[in-house]
C-alpha cells in the first residue's frame, strides 16, 4: 500500500505532462511534412515569409521574406502555418 501514492503520482505526471508533449510533437511533425510552396509560415525566430521551394531530401525550405529576398532555413524551424483563403482576392473597383 505504500507504493500506491507513488503510482498515482506517476500516472498523473503521464496524463498532464508527457502525453500532451507527445501530442504537440506529433502535430509539429505533421506540420513540417505538410509544407508546400506558397504556404505562409512563421519561423521559431519570429520571421514571417512565404515558402518558395521545398527540398525534401535535405530538409530545407526557401522562404521569401521580402521581394527578391529569400532565406534558406530548416523545415523544422517552422513554428506554424497561416491559413490563406484563395477566394479572398481584393476586388478592383
C-alpha atoms as a PDB file:
ATOM      1  CA  UNK A   1       0.000   0.000   0.000  1.00  0.00           C
ATOM      2  CA  UNK A   2       2.925   2.365   0.425  1.00  0.00           C
ATOM      3  CA  UNK A   3       3.530   2.296  -3.342  1.00  0.00           C
ATOM      4  CA  UNK A   4       0.011   3.444  -4.186  1.00  0.00           C
ATOM      5  CA  UNK A   5       0.718   7.202  -3.850  1.00  0.00           C
ATOM      6  CA  UNK A   6       3.848   6.825  -5.980  1.00  0.00           C
ATOM      7  CA  UNK A   7       1.902   5.026  -8.696  1.00  0.00           C
ATOM      8  CA  UNK A   8      -0.817   7.688  -8.622  1.00  0.00           C
ATOM      9  CA  UNK A   9       1.798  10.472  -8.935  1.00  0.00           C
ATOM     10  CA  UNK A  10       3.440   8.726 -11.893  1.00  0.00           C
ATOM     11  CA  UNK A  11       0.064   8.295 -13.590  1.00  0.00           C
ATOM     12  CA  UNK A  12      -0.781  11.971 -13.074  1.00  0.00           C
ATOM     13  CA  UNK A  13       2.606  13.028 -14.451  1.00  0.00           C
ATOM     14  CA  UNK A  14       1.974  10.955 -17.547  1.00  0.00           C
ATOM     15  CA  UNK A  15      -1.515  12.366 -18.037  1.00  0.00           C
ATOM     16  CA  UNK A  16      -0.608  16.036 -17.516  1.00  0.00           C
ATOM     17  CA  UNK A  17       2.987  16.296 -18.759  1.00  0.00           C
ATOM     18  CA  UNK A  18       4.135  13.508 -21.050  1.00  0.00           C
ATOM     19  CA  UNK A  19       1.009  12.853 -23.105  1.00  0.00           C
ATOM     20  CA  UNK A  20       0.346  16.493 -24.086  1.00  0.00           C
ATOM     21  CA  UNK A  21       4.010  16.931 -25.067  1.00  0.00           C
ATOM     22  CA  UNK A  22       3.854  13.853 -27.291  1.00  0.00           C
ATOM     23  CA  UNK A  23       0.727  15.268 -28.946  1.00  0.00           C
ATOM     24  CA  UNK A  24       2.480  18.590 -29.656  1.00  0.00           C
ATOM     25  CA  UNK A  25       5.477  16.782 -31.157  1.00  0.00           C
ATOM     26  CA  UNK A  26       3.214  14.776 -33.492  1.00  0.00           C
ATOM     27  CA  UNK A  27       1.380  17.948 -34.567  1.00  0.00           C
ATOM     28  CA  UNK A  28       4.703  19.707 -35.286  1.00  0.00           C
ATOM     29  CA  UNK A  29       5.939  16.751 -37.353  1.00  0.00           C
ATOM     30  CA  UNK A  30       2.705  16.748 -39.354  1.00  0.00           C
ATOM     31  CA  UNK A  31       3.066  20.488 -39.959  1.00  0.00           C
ATOM     32  CA  UNK A  32       6.638  20.101 -41.210  1.00  0.00           C
ATOM     33  CA  UNK A  33       5.639  17.259 -43.541  1.00  0.00           C
ATOM     34  CA  UNK A  34       2.723  19.271 -44.954  1.00  0.00           C
ATOM     35  CA  UNK A  35       4.762  22.306 -46.043  1.00  0.00           C
ATOM     36  CA  UNK A  36       4.435  23.197 -49.708  1.00  0.00           C
ATOM     37  CA  UNK A  37       5.339  26.091 -51.967  1.00  0.00           C
ATOM     38  CA  UNK A  38       3.037  29.058 -51.445  1.00  0.00           C
ATOM     39  CA  UNK A  39       2.384  28.453 -47.733  1.00  0.00           C
ATOM     40  CA  UNK A  40       2.697  31.483 -45.467  1.00  0.00           C
ATOM     41  CA  UNK A  41       4.643  30.474 -42.353  1.00  0.00           C
ATOM     42  CA  UNK A  42       6.107  31.805 -39.117  1.00  0.00           C
ATOM     43  CA  UNK A  43       9.553  30.613 -38.018  1.00  0.00           C
ATOM     44  CA  UNK A  44      10.644  29.993 -34.424  1.00  0.00           C
ATOM     45  CA  UNK A  45      12.738  33.158 -34.688  1.00  0.00           C
ATOM     46  CA  UNK A  46       9.668  35.291 -35.477  1.00  0.00           C
ATOM     47  CA  UNK A  47      10.349  35.705 -39.197  1.00  0.00           C
ATOM     48  CA  UNK A  48       7.270  35.654 -41.448  1.00  0.00           C
ATOM     49  CA  UNK A  49       7.509  34.557 -45.044  1.00  0.00           C
ATOM     50  CA  UNK A  50       6.158  32.548 -47.942  1.00  0.00           C
ATOM     51  CA  UNK A  51       7.598  29.156 -48.844  1.00  0.00           C
ATOM     52  CA  UNK A  52       9.010  29.306 -52.374  1.00  0.00           C
ATOM     53  CA  UNK A  53      10.623  25.870 -52.637  1.00  0.00           C
ATOM     54  CA  UNK A  54      10.799  22.715 -50.519  1.00  0.00           C
ATOM     55  CA  UNK A  55      13.854  20.458 -50.740  1.00  0.00           C
ATOM     56  CA  UNK A  56      12.634  17.108 -49.437  1.00  0.00           C
ATOM     57  CA  UNK A  57      15.964  15.276 -49.352  1.00  0.00           C
ATOM     58  CA  UNK A  58      17.879  17.938 -47.403  1.00  0.00           C
ATOM     59  CA  UNK A  59      15.072  19.077 -45.089  1.00  0.00           C
ATOM     60  CA  UNK A  60      15.427  22.694 -46.225  1.00  0.00           C
ATOM     61  CA  UNK A  61      12.920  25.259 -47.447  1.00  0.00           C
ATOM     62  CA  UNK A  62      13.481  28.511 -49.318  1.00  0.00           C
ATOM     63  CA  UNK A  63      11.479  31.250 -47.651  1.00  0.00           C
ATOM     64  CA  UNK A  64      10.726  34.577 -49.343  1.00  0.00           C
ATOM     65  CA  UNK A  65      10.605  37.251 -46.625  1.00  0.00           C
ATOM     66  CA  UNK A  66      10.607  40.298 -48.920  1.00  0.00           C
ATOM     67  CA  UNK A  67      10.619  40.955 -52.622  1.00  0.00           C
ATOM     68  CA  UNK A  68      13.786  39.398 -54.097  1.00  0.00           C
ATOM     69  CA  UNK A  69      14.975  38.254 -50.635  1.00  0.00           C
ATOM     70  CA  UNK A  70      14.945  34.522 -49.915  1.00  0.00           C
ATOM     71  CA  UNK A  71      16.277  32.672 -46.892  1.00  0.00           C
ATOM     72  CA  UNK A  72      17.360  29.049 -46.757  1.00  0.00           C
ATOM     73  CA  UNK A  73      16.043  27.571 -43.489  1.00  0.00           C
ATOM     74  CA  UNK A  74      15.470  24.149 -41.978  1.00  0.00           C
ATOM     75  CA  UNK A  75      11.937  22.821 -42.244  1.00  0.00           C
ATOM     76  CA  UNK A  76      11.939  22.137 -38.500  1.00  0.00           C
ATOM     77  CA  UNK A  77      12.302  25.901 -37.844  1.00  0.00           C
ATOM     78  CA  UNK A  78       8.680  26.439 -38.911  1.00  0.00           C
ATOM     79  CA  UNK A  79       6.512  27.123 -35.894  1.00  0.00           C
ATOM     80  CA  UNK A  80       3.142  27.488 -37.585  1.00  0.00           C
ATOM     81  CA  UNK A  81       1.463  27.849 -40.932  1.00  0.00           C
ATOM     82  CA  UNK A  82      -1.068  30.605 -41.616  1.00  0.00           C
ATOM     83  CA  UNK A  83      -4.324  29.742 -43.335  1.00  0.00           C
ATOM     84  CA  UNK A  84      -4.723  31.653 -46.558  1.00  0.00           C
ATOM     85  CA  UNK A  85      -8.048  31.596 -48.365  1.00  0.00           C
ATOM     86  CA  UNK A  86      -7.760  31.562 -52.147  1.00  0.00           C
ATOM     87  CA  UNK A  87     -11.109  33.281 -52.546  1.00  0.00           C
ATOM     88  CA  UNK A  88     -10.007  36.398 -50.623  1.00  0.00           C
ATOM     89  CA  UNK A  89      -8.718  38.304 -53.617  1.00  0.00           C
ATOM     90  CA  UNK A  90      -9.026  42.076 -53.439  1.00  0.00           C
ATOM     91  CA  UNK A  91     -11.602  43.455 -55.841  1.00  0.00           C
ATOM     92  CA  UNK A  92     -10.668  46.291 -58.175  1.00  0.00           C
ATOM     93  CA  UNK A  93     -13.483  48.823 -58.047  1.00  0.00           C
END
